[in-house]
C-alpha atoms as a PDB file:
ATOM      1  CA  UNK A   1      50.273  33.085  22.307  1.00  0.00           C
ATOM      2  CA  UNK A   2      53.987  32.428  21.452  1.00  0.00           C
ATOM      3  CA  UNK A   3      55.053  31.292  18.098  1.00  0.00           C
ATOM      4  CA  UNK A   4      56.084  28.090  19.622  1.00  0.00           C
ATOM      5  CA  UNK A   5      52.630  27.246  20.797  1.00  0.00           C
ATOM      6  CA  UNK A   6      51.205  28.478  17.458  1.00  0.00           C
ATOM      7  CA  UNK A   7      53.480  26.025  15.475  1.00  0.00           C
ATOM      8  CA  UNK A   8      52.120  22.992  17.657  1.00  0.00           C
ATOM      9  CA  UNK A   9      48.576  24.059  17.253  1.00  0.00           C
ATOM     10  CA  UNK A  10      48.886  24.504  13.499  1.00  0.00           C
ATOM     11  CA  UNK A  11      50.645  21.128  13.423  1.00  0.00           C
ATOM     12  CA  UNK A  12      47.631  19.407  15.130  1.00  0.00           C
ATOM     13  CA  UNK A  13      44.914  21.209  12.955  1.00  0.00           C
ATOM     14  CA  UNK A  14      46.773  20.361   9.704  1.00  0.00           C
ATOM     15  CA  UNK A  15      47.329  16.803  10.783  1.00  0.00           C
ATOM     16  CA  UNK A  16      43.667  16.248  11.284  1.00  0.00           C
ATOM     17  CA  UNK A  17      42.547  17.995   8.139  1.00  0.00           C
ATOM     18  CA  UNK A  18      45.023  16.250   5.925  1.00  0.00           C
ATOM     19  CA  UNK A  19      44.862  13.009   7.686  1.00  0.00           C
ATOM     20  CA  UNK A  20      41.076  12.941   6.980  1.00  0.00           C
ATOM     21  CA  UNK A  21      41.670  13.978   3.240  1.00  0.00           C
ATOM     22  CA  UNK A  22      42.547  10.245   2.234  1.00  0.00           C
ATOM     23  CA  UNK A  23      39.159   8.911   3.246  1.00  0.00           C
ATOM     24  CA  UNK A  24      37.544  11.902   1.329  1.00  0.00           C
ATOM     25  CA  UNK A  25      39.517  11.130  -1.756  1.00  0.00           C
ATOM     26  CA  UNK A  26      38.557   7.338  -1.298  1.00  0.00           C
ATOM     27  CA  UNK A  27      34.896   8.259  -1.163  1.00  0.00           C
ATOM     28  CA  UNK A  28      35.172  10.616  -4.087  1.00  0.00           C
ATOM     29  CA  UNK A  29      36.611   8.017  -6.282  1.00  0.00           C
ATOM     30  CA  UNK A  30      33.424   5.740  -5.846  1.00  0.00           C
ATOM     31  CA  UNK A  31      31.520   7.846  -8.549  1.00  0.00           C
ATOM     32  CA  UNK A  32      34.328   9.771 -10.126  1.00  0.00           C
ATOM     33  CA  UNK A  33      37.572   9.193 -11.979  1.00  0.00           C
ATOM     34  CA  UNK A  34      40.944  10.464 -10.606  1.00  0.00           C
ATOM     35  CA  UNK A  35      40.998  13.064 -13.323  1.00  0.00           C
ATOM     36  CA  UNK A  36      37.567  14.257 -12.260  1.00  0.00           C
ATOM     37  CA  UNK A  37      38.331  14.219  -8.596  1.00  0.00           C
ATOM     38  CA  UNK A  38      41.586  16.225  -9.223  1.00  0.00           C
ATOM     39  CA  UNK A  39      40.101  18.824 -11.425  1.00  0.00           C
ATOM     40  CA  UNK A  40      36.882  19.350  -9.330  1.00  0.00           C
ATOM     41  CA  UNK A  41      39.077  19.797  -6.195  1.00  0.00           C
ATOM     42  CA  UNK A  42      41.152  22.495  -7.690  1.00  0.00           C
ATOM     43  CA  UNK A  43      37.971  24.162  -9.340  1.00  0.00           C
ATOM     44  CA  UNK A  44      35.927  24.107  -6.089  1.00  0.00           C
ATOM     45  CA  UNK A  45      38.898  25.457  -4.115  1.00  0.00           C
ATOM     46  CA  UNK A  46      39.399  28.194  -6.616  1.00  0.00           C
ATOM     47  CA  UNK A  47      35.836  29.168  -6.261  1.00  0.00           C
ATOM     48  CA  UNK A  48      35.788  29.124  -2.435  1.00  0.00           C
ATOM     49  CA  UNK A  49      38.998  31.112  -2.344  1.00  0.00           C
ATOM     50  CA  UNK A  50      37.959  33.787  -4.851  1.00  0.00           C
ATOM     51  CA  UNK A  51      34.939  34.484  -2.576  1.00  0.00           C
ATOM     52  CA  UNK A  52      36.942  35.499   0.482  1.00  0.00           C
ATOM     53  CA  UNK A  53      40.511  36.281  -0.498  1.00  0.00           C
ATOM     54  CA  UNK A  54      40.545  37.279  -4.172  1.00  0.00           C
ATOM     55  CA  UNK A  55      41.332  40.867  -3.319  1.00  0.00           C
ATOM     56  CA  UNK A  56      44.452  39.786  -1.715  1.00  0.00           C
ATOM     57  CA  UNK A  57      46.146  38.990  -4.980  1.00  0.00           C
ATOM     58  CA  UNK A  58      47.080  42.574  -5.323  1.00  0.00           C
ATOM     59  CA  UNK A  59      49.437  41.910  -2.330  1.00  0.00           C
ATOM     60  CA  UNK A  60      51.584  39.643  -4.446  1.00  0.00           C
ATOM     61  CA  UNK A  61      54.602  41.438  -6.083  1.00  0.00           C
ATOM     62  CA  UNK A  62      55.033  40.905  -9.728  1.00  0.00           C
ATOM     63  CA  UNK A  63      58.474  39.494  -9.020  1.00  0.00           C
ATOM     64  CA  UNK A  64      57.038  36.690  -6.841  1.00  0.00           C
ATOM     65  CA  UNK A  65      54.354  35.384  -9.344  1.00  0.00           C
ATOM     66  CA  UNK A  66      56.929  33.043 -10.949  1.00  0.00           C
ATOM     67  CA  UNK A  67      57.466  31.334  -7.656  1.00  0.00           C
ATOM     68  CA  UNK A  68      53.771  31.343  -6.947  1.00  0.00           C
ATOM     69  CA  UNK A  69      53.165  29.471 -10.268  1.00  0.00           C
ATOM     70  CA  UNK A  70      56.111  27.085  -9.806  1.00  0.00           C
ATOM     71  CA  UNK A  71      54.921  26.188  -6.428  1.00  0.00           C
ATOM     72  CA  UNK A  72      51.298  25.834  -7.673  1.00  0.00           C
ATOM     73  CA  UNK A  73      52.263  23.234 -10.115  1.00  0.00           C
ATOM     74  CA  UNK A  74      54.991  21.396  -8.303  1.00  0.00           C
ATOM     75  CA  UNK A  75      53.214  21.316  -4.878  1.00  0.00           C
ATOM     76  CA  UNK A  76      49.480  21.348  -5.850  1.00  0.00           C
ATOM     77  CA  UNK A  77      48.502  20.580  -9.408  1.00  0.00           C
ATOM     78  CA  UNK A  78      50.384  17.442 -10.043  1.00  0.00           C
ATOM     79  CA  UNK A  79      50.113  16.046  -6.567  1.00  0.00           C
ATOM     80  CA  UNK A  80      46.284  16.492  -6.616  1.00  0.00           C
ATOM     81  CA  UNK A  81      46.135  14.115  -9.695  1.00  0.00           C
ATOM     82  CA  UNK A  82      48.782  11.821  -8.343  1.00  0.00           C
ATOM     83  CA  UNK A  83      47.386  11.010  -5.058  1.00  0.00           C
ATOM     84  CA  UNK A  84      43.903  10.268  -6.835  1.00  0.00           C
ATOM     85  CA  UNK A  85      45.415   8.102  -9.211  1.00  0.00           C
ATOM     86  CA  UNK A  86      47.441   6.308  -6.470  1.00  0.00           C
ATOM     87  CA  UNK A  87      44.410   5.530  -4.421  1.00  0.00           C
ATOM     88  CA  UNK A  88      42.568   3.776  -7.171  1.00  0.00           C
ATOM     89  CA  UNK A  89      44.773   0.737  -6.525  1.00  0.00           C
ATOM     90  CA  UNK A  90      45.994   1.226  -2.785  1.00  0.00           C
ATOM     91  CA  UNK A  91      44.324   1.707   0.461  1.00  0.00           C
ATOM     92  CA  UNK A  92      43.821   5.297   1.954  1.00  0.00           C
ATOM     93  CA  UNK A  93      45.721   4.419   5.065  1.00  0.00           C
ATOM     94  CA  UNK A  94      48.701   3.043   3.076  1.00  0.00           C
ATOM     95  CA  UNK A  95      48.654   6.251   0.968  1.00  0.00           C
ATOM     96  CA  UNK A  96      48.818   8.389   4.092  1.00  0.00           C
ATOM     97  CA  UNK A  97      51.706   6.315   5.565  1.00  0.00           C
ATOM     98  CA  UNK A  98      53.818   6.792   2.273  1.00  0.00           C
ATOM     99  CA  UNK A  99      53.387  10.473   2.662  1.00  0.00           C
ATOM    100  CA  UNK A 100      55.664  10.266   5.752  1.00  0.00           C
ATOM    101  CA  UNK A 101      58.479  10.414   3.150  1.00  0.00           C
ATOM    102  CA  UNK A 102      57.858  14.083   2.613  1.00  0.00           C
ATOM    103  CA  UNK A 103      60.222  15.352   5.414  1.00  0.00           C
ATOM    104  CA  UNK A 104      62.936  13.221   3.961  1.00  0.00           C
ATOM    105  CA  UNK A 105      62.366  14.737   0.570  1.00  0.00           C
ATOM    106  CA  UNK A 106      62.117  18.196   1.980  1.00  0.00           C
ATOM    107  CA  UNK A 107      65.519  17.750   3.663  1.00  0.00           C
ATOM    108  CA  UNK A 108      67.096  16.314   0.417  1.00  0.00           C
ATOM    109  CA  UNK A 109      65.686  19.051  -1.859  1.00  0.00           C
ATOM    110  CA  UNK A 110      66.464  21.737   0.727  1.00  0.00           C
ATOM    111  CA  UNK A 111      70.137  20.734   1.070  1.00  0.00           C
ATOM    112  CA  UNK A 112      70.663  20.475  -2.717  1.00  0.00           C
ATOM    113  CA  UNK A 113      68.786  23.516  -4.044  1.00  0.00           C
ATOM    114  CA  UNK A 114      68.011  25.659  -1.017  1.00  0.00           C
ATOM    115  CA  UNK A 115      71.082  25.544   1.340  1.00  0.00           C
ATOM    116  CA  UNK A 116      68.796  24.296   3.910  1.00  0.00           C
ATOM    117  CA  UNK A 117      70.347  24.361   7.545  1.00  0.00           C
ATOM    118  CA  UNK A 118      69.397  21.615   9.869  1.00  0.00           C
ATOM    119  CA  UNK A 119      70.487  20.065  13.295  1.00  0.00           C
ATOM    120  CA  UNK A 120      71.547  16.546  14.241  1.00  0.00           C
ATOM    121  CA  UNK A 121      68.537  16.149  16.369  1.00  0.00           C
ATOM    122  CA  UNK A 122      66.236  17.106  13.517  1.00  0.00           C
ATOM    123  CA  UNK A 123      67.808  14.469  11.374  1.00  0.00           C
ATOM    124  CA  UNK A 124      67.535  11.956  14.130  1.00  0.00           C
ATOM    125  CA  UNK A 125      63.854  12.912  14.590  1.00  0.00           C
ATOM    126  CA  UNK A 126      63.116  12.426  10.908  1.00  0.00           C
ATOM    127  CA  UNK A 127      64.614   8.919  11.062  1.00  0.00           C
ATOM    128  CA  UNK A 128      62.655   8.120  14.271  1.00  0.00           C
ATOM    129  CA  UNK A 129      59.390   9.307  12.942  1.00  0.00           C
ATOM    130  CA  UNK A 130      59.978   7.531   9.614  1.00  0.00           C
ATOM    131  CA  UNK A 131      60.722   4.252  11.471  1.00  0.00           C
ATOM    132  CA  UNK A 132      57.282   4.797  13.228  1.00  0.00           C
ATOM    133  CA  UNK A 133      55.639   5.110   9.846  1.00  0.00           C
ATOM    134  CA  UNK A 134      57.242   2.033   8.755  1.00  0.00           C
ATOM    135  CA  UNK A 135      56.008   0.189  11.742  1.00  0.00           C
ATOM    136  CA  UNK A 136      52.478   1.270  11.180  1.00  0.00           C
ATOM    137  CA  UNK A 137      52.783   0.032   7.442  1.00  0.00           C
ATOM    138  CA  UNK A 138      54.395  -3.310   8.555  1.00  0.00           C
ATOM    139  CA  UNK A 139      51.565  -3.894  11.075  1.00  0.00           C
ATOM    140  CA  UNK A 140      48.837  -2.952   8.706  1.00  0.00           C
ATOM    141  CA  UNK A 141      50.058  -5.172   5.760  1.00  0.00           C
ATOM    142  CA  UNK A 142      48.896  -4.730   2.362  1.00  0.00           C
ATOM    143  CA  UNK A 143      45.801  -6.256   0.791  1.00  0.00           C
ATOM    144  CA  UNK A 144      46.239  -8.556  -2.180  1.00  0.00           C
ATOM    145  CA  UNK A 145      43.370  -6.753  -3.736  1.00  0.00           C
ATOM    146  CA  UNK A 146      45.427  -3.709  -4.225  1.00  0.00           C
ATOM    147  CA  UNK A 147      48.373  -2.975  -6.537  1.00  0.00           C
ATOM    148  CA  UNK A 148      51.298  -1.813  -4.415  1.00  0.00           C
ATOM    149  CA  UNK A 149      53.099  -0.483  -7.585  1.00  0.00           C
ATOM    150  CA  UNK A 150      50.564   2.418  -7.490  1.00  0.00           C
ATOM    151  CA  UNK A 151      52.454   3.681  -4.495  1.00  0.00           C
ATOM    152  CA  UNK A 152      54.712   5.403  -6.879  1.00  0.00           C
ATOM    153  CA  UNK A 153      52.088   7.965  -7.506  1.00  0.00           C
ATOM    154  CA  UNK A 154      52.077   8.759  -3.858  1.00  0.00           C
ATOM    155  CA  UNK A 155      55.776   8.849  -3.587  1.00  0.00           C
ATOM    156  CA  UNK A 156      56.045  11.552  -6.364  1.00  0.00           C
ATOM    157  CA  UNK A 157      53.538  13.623  -4.554  1.00  0.00           C
ATOM    158  CA  UNK A 158      56.078  13.673  -1.563  1.00  0.00           C
ATOM    159  CA  UNK A 159      58.681  14.909  -3.786  1.00  0.00           C
ATOM    160  CA  UNK A 160      56.318  17.788  -4.865  1.00  0.00           C
ATOM    161  CA  UNK A 161      55.404  18.536  -1.348  1.00  0.00           C
ATOM    162  CA  UNK A 162      59.065  18.748  -0.343  1.00  0.00           C
ATOM    163  CA  UNK A 163      59.786  21.113  -3.140  1.00  0.00           C
ATOM    164  CA  UNK A 164      56.807  23.207  -2.283  1.00  0.00           C
ATOM    165  CA  UNK A 165      57.818  23.673   1.405  1.00  0.00           C
ATOM    166  CA  UNK A 166      61.219  24.883   0.478  1.00  0.00           C
ATOM    167  CA  UNK A 167      59.746  27.228  -2.245  1.00  0.00           C
ATOM    168  CA  UNK A 168      57.231  28.752   0.113  1.00  0.00           C
ATOM    169  CA  UNK A 169      59.723  29.155   2.980  1.00  0.00           C
ATOM    170  CA  UNK A 170      62.494  30.599   0.662  1.00  0.00           C
ATOM    171  CA  UNK A 171      60.529  32.975  -1.537  1.00  0.00           C
ATOM    172  CA  UNK A 172      56.840  33.431  -0.444  1.00  0.00           C
ATOM    173  CA  UNK A 173      56.887  33.967   3.496  1.00  0.00           C
ATOM    174  CA  UNK A 174      56.739  37.849   3.100  1.00  0.00           C
ATOM    175  CA  UNK A 175      53.384  37.474   1.337  1.00  0.00           C
ATOM    176  CA  UNK A 176      50.062  36.933   3.274  1.00  0.00           C
ATOM    177  CA  UNK A 177      49.127  33.259   3.369  1.00  0.00           C
ATOM    178  CA  UNK A 178      45.670  33.930   1.951  1.00  0.00           C
ATOM    179  CA  UNK A 179      47.309  35.706  -0.973  1.00  0.00           C
ATOM    180  CA  UNK A 180      49.687  32.812  -1.704  1.00  0.00           C
ATOM    181  CA  UNK A 181      46.772  30.285  -1.562  1.00  0.00           C
ATOM    182  CA  UNK A 182      44.762  32.422  -3.876  1.00  0.00           C
ATOM    183  CA  UNK A 183      47.586  32.794  -6.285  1.00  0.00           C
ATOM    184  CA  UNK A 184      48.414  29.157  -6.295  1.00  0.00           C
ATOM    185  CA  UNK A 185      44.863  27.806  -7.098  1.00  0.00           C
ATOM    186  CA  UNK A 186      43.984  30.573  -9.490  1.00  0.00           C
ATOM    187  CA  UNK A 187      47.256  29.817 -11.452  1.00  0.00           C
ATOM    188  CA  UNK A 188      46.149  26.169 -11.876  1.00  0.00           C
ATOM    189  CA  UNK A 189      42.416  26.723 -12.486  1.00  0.00           C
ATOM    190  CA  UNK A 190      42.696  26.970 -16.341  1.00  0.00           C
ATOM    191  CA  UNK A 191      44.316  23.536 -16.892  1.00  0.00           C
ATOM    192  CA  UNK A 192      41.987  21.966 -14.265  1.00  0.00           C
ATOM    193  CA  UNK A 193      38.924  23.181 -16.244  1.00  0.00           C
ATOM    194  CA  UNK A 194      40.544  21.795 -19.441  1.00  0.00           C
ATOM    195  CA  UNK A 195      41.249  18.490 -17.704  1.00  0.00           C
ATOM    196  CA  UNK A 196      37.579  18.225 -16.417  1.00  0.00           C
ATOM    197  CA  UNK A 197      36.269  18.671 -19.866  1.00  0.00           C
ATOM    198  CA  UNK A 198      38.651  16.042 -21.184  1.00  0.00           C
ATOM    199  CA  UNK A 199      37.731  13.588 -18.453  1.00  0.00           C
ATOM    200  CA  UNK A 200      33.986  13.298 -20.013  1.00  0.00           C
ATOM    201  CA  UNK A 201      32.688  14.595 -16.672  1.00  0.00           C
ATOM    202  CA  UNK A 202      29.573  16.108 -18.313  1.00  0.00           C
ATOM    203  CA  UNK A 203      28.720  12.731 -19.985  1.00  0.00           C
ATOM    204  CA  UNK A 204      28.174  11.203 -16.406  1.00  0.00           C
ATOM    205  CA  UNK A 205      24.759  10.180 -15.433  1.00  0.00           C
ATOM    206  CA  UNK A 206      24.017  12.689 -12.644  1.00  0.00           C
ATOM    207  CA  UNK A 207      20.825  10.829 -11.638  1.00  0.00           C
ATOM    208  CA  UNK A 208      22.940   8.226  -9.948  1.00  0.00           C
ATOM    209  CA  UNK A 209      23.229   8.878  -6.155  1.00  0.00           C
ATOM    210  CA  UNK A 210      26.917   7.777  -6.203  1.00  0.00           C
ATOM    211  CA  UNK A 211      27.834  10.749  -8.395  1.00  0.00           C
ATOM    212  CA  UNK A 212      26.170  13.346  -6.050  1.00  0.00           C
ATOM    213  CA  UNK A 213      27.706  11.777  -2.964  1.00  0.00           C
ATOM    214  CA  UNK A 214      31.276  11.815  -4.588  1.00  0.00           C
ATOM    215  CA  UNK A 215      30.695  15.446  -5.595  1.00  0.00           C
ATOM    216  CA  UNK A 216      29.869  16.298  -1.931  1.00  0.00           C
ATOM    217  CA  UNK A 217      32.999  14.634  -0.750  1.00  0.00           C
ATOM    218  CA  UNK A 218      35.109  16.327  -3.432  1.00  0.00           C
ATOM    219  CA  UNK A 219      33.750  19.699  -2.220  1.00  0.00           C
ATOM    220  CA  UNK A 220      34.580  18.848   1.435  1.00  0.00           C
ATOM    221  CA  UNK A 221      37.988  17.938   0.213  1.00  0.00           C
ATOM    222  CA  UNK A 222      38.432  21.193  -1.635  1.00  0.00           C
ATOM    223  CA  UNK A 223      36.954  23.206   1.282  1.00  0.00           C
ATOM    224  CA  UNK A 224      39.052  21.866   4.150  1.00  0.00           C
ATOM    225  CA  UNK A 225      41.959  20.023   2.758  1.00  0.00           C
ATOM    226  CA  UNK A 226      42.840  22.549   0.035  1.00  0.00           C
ATOM    227  CA  UNK A 227      41.322  26.040   0.746  1.00  0.00           C
ATOM    228  CA  UNK A 228      41.535  26.134   4.537  1.00  0.00           C
ATOM    229  CA  UNK A 229      44.481  23.811   5.069  1.00  0.00           C
ATOM    230  CA  UNK A 230      46.629  25.431   2.382  1.00  0.00           C
ATOM    231  CA  UNK A 231      46.294  28.834   3.894  1.00  0.00           C
ATOM    232  CA  UNK A 232      47.036  27.608   7.314  1.00  0.00           C
ATOM    233  CA  UNK A 233      50.022  25.703   5.996  1.00  0.00           C
ATOM    234  CA  UNK A 234      51.353  28.846   4.360  1.00  0.00           C
ATOM    235  CA  UNK A 235      51.143  30.550   7.757  1.00  0.00           C
ATOM    236  CA  UNK A 236      52.663  27.458   9.327  1.00  0.00           C
ATOM    237  CA  UNK A 237      55.667  27.481   7.152  1.00  0.00           C
ATOM    238  CA  UNK A 238      56.172  31.241   8.107  1.00  0.00           C
ATOM    239  CA  UNK A 239      56.596  30.217  11.751  1.00  0.00           C
ATOM    240  CA  UNK A 240      58.382  26.896  11.516  1.00  0.00           C
ATOM    241  CA  UNK A 241      61.299  25.491   9.696  1.00  0.00           C
ATOM    242  CA  UNK A 242      60.786  23.451   6.570  1.00  0.00           C
ATOM    243  CA  UNK A 243      61.606  20.238   8.258  1.00  0.00           C
ATOM    244  CA  UNK A 244      59.204  20.804  11.092  1.00  0.00           C
ATOM    245  CA  UNK A 245      56.441  21.995   8.752  1.00  0.00           C
ATOM    246  CA  UNK A 246      56.715  18.997   6.516  1.00  0.00           C
ATOM    247  CA  UNK A 247      56.641  16.769   9.907  1.00  0.00           C
ATOM    248  CA  UNK A 248      52.833  17.149   9.553  1.00  0.00           C
ATOM    249  CA  UNK A 249      52.948  14.091   7.291  1.00  0.00           C
ATOM    250  CA  UNK A 250      54.121  12.049  10.108  1.00  0.00           C
ATOM    251  CA  UNK A 251      50.925  12.702  12.117  1.00  0.00           C
ATOM    252  CA  UNK A 252      48.496  12.133   9.146  1.00  0.00           C
ATOM    253  CA  UNK A 253      48.689   8.405   9.313  1.00  0.00           C
ATOM    254  CA  UNK A 254      47.559   8.465  12.946  1.00  0.00           C
ATOM    255  CA  UNK A 255      44.457  10.393  11.941  1.00  0.00           C
ATOM    256  CA  UNK A 256      43.902   7.878   9.025  1.00  0.00           C
ATOM    257  CA  UNK A 257      44.070   5.120  11.543  1.00  0.00           C
ATOM    258  CA  UNK A 258      41.635   6.888  13.717  1.00  0.00           C
ATOM    259  CA  UNK A 259      39.037   6.867  10.873  1.00  0.00           C
ATOM    260  CA  UNK A 260      39.583   3.229  10.619  1.00  0.00           C
ATOM    261  CA  UNK A 261      38.681   2.801  14.292  1.00  0.00           C
ATOM    262  CA  UNK A 262      35.443   4.859  13.717  1.00  0.00           C
ATOM    263  CA  UNK A 263      34.854   2.523  10.782  1.00  0.00           C
ATOM    264  CA  UNK A 264      35.147  -0.467  13.084  1.00  0.00           C
ATOM    265  CA  UNK A 265      38.787  -1.333  12.986  1.00  0.00           C
ATOM    266  CA  UNK A 266      40.733  -2.065  16.169  1.00  0.00           C
ATOM    267  CA  UNK A 267      44.201  -0.547  17.083  1.00  0.00           C
ATOM    268  CA  UNK A 268      46.792  -3.024  18.050  1.00  0.00           C
ATOM    269  CA  UNK A 269      49.408  -2.483  20.709  1.00  0.00           C
ATOM    270  CA  UNK A 270      52.056  -2.174  17.921  1.00  0.00           C
ATOM    271  CA  UNK A 271      50.121   0.773  16.262  1.00  0.00           C
ATOM    272  CA  UNK A 272      49.971   2.499  19.645  1.00  0.00           C
ATOM    273  CA  UNK A 273      53.823   2.148  19.974  1.00  0.00           C
ATOM    274  CA  UNK A 274      54.305   3.274  16.406  1.00  0.00           C
ATOM    275  CA  UNK A 275      52.188   6.339  17.198  1.00  0.00           C
ATOM    276  CA  UNK A 276      54.395   7.213  20.142  1.00  0.00           C
ATOM    277  CA  UNK A 277      57.467   6.770  18.139  1.00  0.00           C
ATOM    278  CA  UNK A 278      56.073   9.247  15.388  1.00  0.00           C
ATOM    279  CA  UNK A 279      55.295  11.741  18.001  1.00  0.00           C
ATOM    280  CA  UNK A 280      58.715  11.593  19.508  1.00  0.00           C
ATOM    281  CA  UNK A 281      60.339  11.994  16.117  1.00  0.00           C
ATOM    282  CA  UNK A 282      58.213  15.129  15.429  1.00  0.00           C
ATOM    283  CA  UNK A 283      59.250  16.439  18.737  1.00  0.00           C
ATOM    284  CA  UNK A 284      63.061  16.091  17.928  1.00  0.00           C
ATOM    285  CA  UNK A 285      62.432  17.648  14.394  1.00  0.00           C
ATOM    286  CA  UNK A 286      61.329  20.786  16.245  1.00  0.00           C
ATOM    287  CA  UNK A 287      64.576  20.816  18.179  1.00  0.00           C
ATOM    288  CA  UNK A 288      67.207  23.245  17.066  1.00  0.00           C
ATOM    289  CA  UNK A 289      69.914  22.897  19.641  1.00  0.00           C
ATOM    290  CA  UNK A 290      72.950  22.509  17.406  1.00  0.00           C
ATOM    291  CA  UNK A 291      73.104  23.535  13.887  1.00  0.00           C
ATOM    292  CA  UNK A 292      74.966  21.268  11.464  1.00  0.00           C
END
């Protein structure tokens, strides 16, 4: 299989996994606080990773650990908590749509700090896909029961994701993806454990079914959206440009809307059009005909 085909397959898989993560976070927050959800997600992921890839840590050169740690906090630790706080006051679908700002932040951070090269068609693709995301948001509207200002938490996660993509592409592509994932989550495990204790998690009434259900959703979130998806994404970044890798966030809202359909919602013609626009933009982002 060619790298070109591998990129599109990974893009599809990651879009499905991460697009589903928002509904898992929403379900997790039914019985747990944002601090508890974020901490447990990191702890569960670290446990899973330590089972199958702990030995891969020896493949990380000493000089690369500073980039592993920086990537861990900027791209994983803080975003995990921020997205949980954001979804306490905004809908999961809206949160997924806001993440479409990630490629824009990837481009800006890449140009300023990493001398990122790009093409005119890639920039056009970013704008086209972003317009598609806005169309989805405009069509869905915002419920008056939610606080739109909590969107700022999701926005800051896109800044962290944008920085993380550039860091991985620039400094960590020579390291096996499983080793990078293991290094990232083991680096942030200690503060996650401390935060969990601080969150009064052990004072919860575990006899309540909602607590157990939330724990199951957090575990699924950790297993698929963190452990598996992070490893696949590290591999994805090795094959694709930072812009194309970050374009996965343009497909995530489509998956989020799909979950809405499963839950009884109906897609409108405008949402179908928005989906086509997003896919067209992603295709352009992967085009490298002329370097600017």
